[in-house]
Protein backbone atom coordinates (compact mmCIF):
# COMPACT_ATOMS: atom_id res chain seq x y z
CA MET A 1 -36.09 -3.93 -0.20
CA ARG A 2 -32.52 -3.17 -1.18
CA ARG A 3 -29.62 -5.42 -2.08
CA ALA A 4 -26.18 -5.25 -0.52
CA ILE A 5 -22.69 -6.52 -0.98
CA PHE A 6 -21.21 -7.21 2.45
CA LEU A 7 -17.43 -7.02 2.28
CA ASP A 8 -14.88 -8.25 4.77
CA ARG A 9 -12.10 -5.71 5.31
CA ASP A 10 -8.72 -7.42 5.56
CA GLY A 11 -7.95 -9.55 2.52
CA VAL A 12 -11.03 -8.45 0.58
CA LEU A 13 -10.84 -4.65 0.49
CA ILE A 14 -7.25 -4.19 1.63
CA LYS A 15 -4.11 -6.28 1.53
CA ILE A 16 -3.33 -8.27 4.66
CA LYS A 17 0.03 -9.25 6.00
CA LYS A 18 0.73 -12.97 6.09
CA VAL A 19 2.91 -14.61 8.71
CA ASN A 20 3.45 -18.37 8.34
CA ASN A 21 0.62 -18.32 5.77
CA LYS A 22 -1.88 -16.91 8.29
CA PRO A 23 -3.62 -13.55 7.77
CA TYR A 24 -3.16 -10.56 10.09
CA SER A 25 -5.00 -7.24 10.20
CA VAL A 26 -3.54 -3.87 9.35
CA ASP A 27 -2.83 -1.84 12.48
CA GLU A 28 -1.88 1.57 11.04
CA ILE A 29 -3.29 3.79 8.28
CA THR A 30 0.13 4.01 6.65
CA LYS A 31 0.07 0.23 6.08
CA ILE A 32 -3.21 0.23 4.11
CA LYS A 33 -2.91 -1.00 0.55
CA ILE A 34 -6.18 -1.12 -1.31
CA LEU A 35 -6.24 -4.26 -3.42
CA LYS A 36 -5.83 -3.92 -7.19
CA GLU A 37 -9.13 -3.63 -9.07
CA THR A 38 -11.04 -2.96 -5.82
CA GLN A 39 -12.00 0.66 -6.54
CA LYS A 40 -13.04 -0.06 -10.13
CA THR A 41 -15.04 -3.15 -9.12
CA LEU A 42 -16.84 -1.44 -6.24
CA LYS A 43 -17.74 1.56 -8.40
CA LYS A 44 -19.49 -0.81 -10.81
CA LEU A 45 -21.23 -2.75 -8.01
CA LYS A 46 -22.41 0.46 -6.33
CA GLU A 47 -24.71 1.11 -9.28
CA LYS A 48 -26.98 -1.73 -8.07
CA PHE A 49 -25.96 -2.54 -4.49
CA LEU A 50 -25.29 -0.98 -1.12
CA LEU A 51 -21.64 -1.56 -0.21
CA ILE A 52 -21.20 -2.43 3.45
CA MET A 53 -17.98 -3.43 5.18
CA VAL A 54 -18.36 -6.00 7.98
CA THR A 55 -15.17 -6.69 9.89
CA ASN A 56 -13.98 -8.51 13.01
CA GLN A 57 -11.23 -6.57 14.76
CA PRO A 58 -10.45 -8.59 17.91
CA ASN A 59 -7.00 -7.03 18.26
CA VAL A 60 -8.74 -4.12 20.01
CA SER A 61 -9.96 -6.34 22.87
CA ARG A 62 -6.59 -8.11 22.84
CA GLY A 63 -4.87 -4.77 23.47
CA LEU A 64 -2.82 -4.91 20.25
CA VAL A 65 -4.37 -1.85 18.59
CA SER A 66 -6.56 0.99 19.84
CA LYS A 67 -10.23 1.26 19.00
CA SER A 68 -9.62 4.81 17.74
CA MET A 69 -6.94 3.54 15.31
CA VAL A 70 -9.29 0.84 13.96
CA ASN A 71 -12.03 3.46 13.58
CA LYS A 72 -9.61 5.74 11.68
CA ILE A 73 -8.55 2.86 9.41
CA ASN A 74 -12.19 1.93 8.75
CA LEU A 75 -13.19 5.52 8.00
CA TYR A 76 -10.23 5.92 5.65
CA ILE A 77 -11.27 2.76 3.76
CA LYS A 78 -14.92 3.87 3.70
CA ASN A 79 -13.96 7.22 2.19
CA GLN A 80 -11.45 5.78 -0.30
CA LEU A 81 -13.90 3.17 -1.57
CA ASN A 82 -17.15 5.15 -1.23
CA LEU A 83 -18.75 2.51 1.02
CA ASP A 84 -22.25 3.08 2.34
CA ASP A 85 -21.61 1.82 5.86
CA ILE A 86 -19.26 -0.01 8.21
CA TYR A 87 -20.02 -2.56 10.89
CA CYS A 88 -17.14 -3.53 13.14
CA CYS A 89 -16.90 -6.06 15.96
CA PHE A 90 -14.16 -5.30 18.48
CA HIS A 91 -14.79 -8.46 20.55
CA ASP A 92 -12.81 -11.67 20.82
CA ASP A 93 -14.31 -15.18 20.74
CA HIS A 94 -14.63 -15.44 24.54
CA HIS A 95 -16.95 -12.40 24.67
CA LYS A 96 -19.76 -14.43 23.09
CA CYS A 97 -21.20 -11.32 21.41
CA LYS A 98 -23.85 -11.39 18.66
CA CYS A 99 -21.77 -9.42 16.17
CA ARG A 100 -18.52 -11.37 15.76
CA LYS A 101 -18.45 -13.44 12.61
CA PRO A 102 -19.30 -16.34 12.21
CA LYS A 103 -22.39 -14.93 13.95
CA ALA A 104 -24.54 -12.74 11.72
CA GLY A 105 -25.24 -9.79 14.04
CA MET A 106 -23.56 -7.18 11.84
CA LEU A 107 -25.50 -8.34 8.77
CA ILE A 108 -28.78 -8.39 10.70
CA ASP A 109 -28.15 -4.87 12.06
CA ALA A 110 -27.41 -3.63 8.52
CA LYS A 111 -30.57 -5.34 7.23
CA LYS A 112 -32.69 -3.42 9.75
CA LYS A 113 -31.02 -0.06 9.18
CA TRP A 114 -30.90 -0.21 5.37
CA LYS A 115 -33.97 -2.42 4.69
CA ILE A 116 -31.89 -5.07 2.91
CA ASP A 117 -33.18 -8.24 1.30
CA LEU A 118 -30.50 -10.64 2.53
CA LYS A 119 -31.53 -13.42 0.12
CA LYS A 120 -30.66 -11.11 -2.78
CA SER A 121 -27.42 -9.91 -1.18
CA PHE A 122 -23.85 -11.20 -1.13
CA MET A 123 -21.21 -11.79 1.53
CA VAL A 124 -17.65 -11.55 0.20
CA GLY A 125 -14.88 -12.84 2.43
CA ASP A 126 -11.58 -14.65 2.60
CA ARG A 127 -12.19 -16.79 5.70
CA LYS A 128 -14.61 -19.50 6.73
CA LYS A 129 -16.13 -17.21 9.41
CA ASP A 130 -17.29 -14.80 6.70
CA MET A 131 -19.04 -17.57 4.80
CA LEU A 132 -20.73 -18.95 7.92
CA ALA A 133 -22.09 -15.49 8.81
CA GLY A 134 -23.50 -15.04 5.31
CA ALA A 135 -25.01 -18.53 5.31
CA LYS A 136 -26.84 -17.85 8.60
CA VAL A 137 -28.89 -15.13 6.89
CA ASN A 138 -29.14 -16.81 3.47
CA CYS A 139 -26.82 -14.44 1.60
CA HIS A 140 -25.02 -15.65 -1.51
CA ASN A 141 -21.45 -16.32 -0.36
CA LEU A 142 -18.35 -15.55 -2.39
CA PHE A 143 -15.06 -16.84 -0.97
CA ILE A 144 -11.73 -15.40 -2.10
CA ASP A 145 -9.31 -18.26 -1.54
CA TYR A 146 -5.83 -17.06 -0.59
CA ASN A 147 -4.97 -20.57 0.58
CA TYR A 148 -4.35 -19.52 4.18
CA ASP A 149 -3.18 -22.23 6.55
CA GLU A 150 -6.63 -22.68 8.11
CA VAL A 151 -9.86 -24.59 7.53
CA LYS A 152 -11.69 -23.48 4.39
CA PRO A 153 -15.46 -23.33 3.96
CA ARG A 154 -17.23 -26.26 2.33
CA LYS A 155 -17.86 -25.77 -1.37
CA ASN A 156 -21.64 -26.12 -0.87
CA LEU A 157 -21.52 -23.06 1.43
CA CYS A 158 -20.09 -20.64 -1.14
CA PHE A 159 -18.66 -20.00 -4.56
CA TYR A 160 -14.86 -19.86 -4.68
CA ILE A 161 -13.53 -16.82 -6.55
CA LYS A 162 -10.04 -15.53 -7.34
CA SER A 163 -10.44 -11.83 -6.57
CA ILE A 164 -12.95 -9.10 -5.83
CA LYS A 165 -13.43 -8.38 -9.53
CA ASP A 166 -15.06 -11.84 -9.85
CA VAL A 167 -17.95 -10.57 -7.68
CA ILE A 168 -19.34 -8.81 -10.77
CA LYS A 169 -19.88 -12.18 -12.47
CA TYR A 170 -22.15 -13.37 -9.63
CA ALA A 171 -23.89 -10.11 -8.72
CA HIS A 172 -26.10 -9.80 -11.78
CA GLU A 173 -29.85 -9.29 -11.96
C-alpha cells in the first residue's frame, strides 16, 4: 500500500483572499499565487508520498464561478506543483453529497484508485472541515492555522503547524 499527502487547495497550496478575516477561493487563473516554499516542500515530499489535492469548491453550485474555470485552476496547480491527482467537490452543504469535506469521500475514492494506506497518510488543511475529513479515515492531520474568524479544530484532532514546509517534520518514516 502507498502513502499519500492529501492537500487542501486554497490556503495550503495557493494563497487565499481574506475578507473580514474569512477565507475565499481564487476564481481566476490570473489570481493564483503559489505559496512560498510550496514547490520546494512538495518536491521533497514527492520522493516518498503521492501528492493529492482534495478541495471543496461550492462556488460552482452557488453560481459564482464556472466548473470549467475551477477545472482550469486545478489543472494549472496540478501541473505547477507536479501533483499526482486532484479530487474536487463542486457541491454545497445542502446537496448532502459524500465528497464534500468534512465527509471523507474524496479521500476514500483516492484510497481505492491509488491503493493508499490512509493510516500512514496525512491530510493537510487550513480549516476544521479538512481535519474532520482526515480524522474520519484515520489520517494524520496537519492544520495550518491562519487564525481565520471561524471555529478551529480541537488540538486532539490534529497537529497545528505554521506552514506547508512544516509537513516535512511530521511526514518521516
